[in-house]
Amino acid sequence: MELITLTPEEVNLLLPDIKQRLGVREDDTTRDAALEVDIVDGYEYAVEWCNNTFRDELGVLRLPGPIKKGIVKMIQIDTAAIGREGVQSQSMAGMSQTFVTGASASSTYADVFGLWRKYKRMKFTPVTSAYDSYKR
């Protein structure tokens, strides 16, 4: 599937809704540039994971609430993870534990994928046989 992304106009239409869901005041523009990138990244991830462009037959973007909520959750997860990658340690009552994080996307974004699951479409991959490869 070719890369499907958002136009700058679509990002501008989504920005106020995403900011509201994140609890960011609409007049606070300090994070707008980063949020715009995050919105595009989240949309592209949703399109890839769901195999769904969320566009109607005229090409108009129709992003369901759970997809937006998943994008917001991704932004929250990514923001919370900044500075926490690598070695983490914990000590309590003389006992110490050290962990190296590097969780897969499937475990990191499990809640997001749960929201998106009902919008996931099957992917059809053409099957080739050994004979088809031999003919070439």
Foldseek 3Di string as FASTA:
>chain_A
DDQDWDDPVVLVVCQVVLCVVLVHDPPDCPCVVVVSVLVRVLLRVLCVQQVDNCADPVRHHHQDPLSSVLSSVVVVLVVVCVPVAAKDKDDDPRDIDIDHDDDDPCVSSVVSCVSSVVSHDDDDDDDDDPVNVVVD
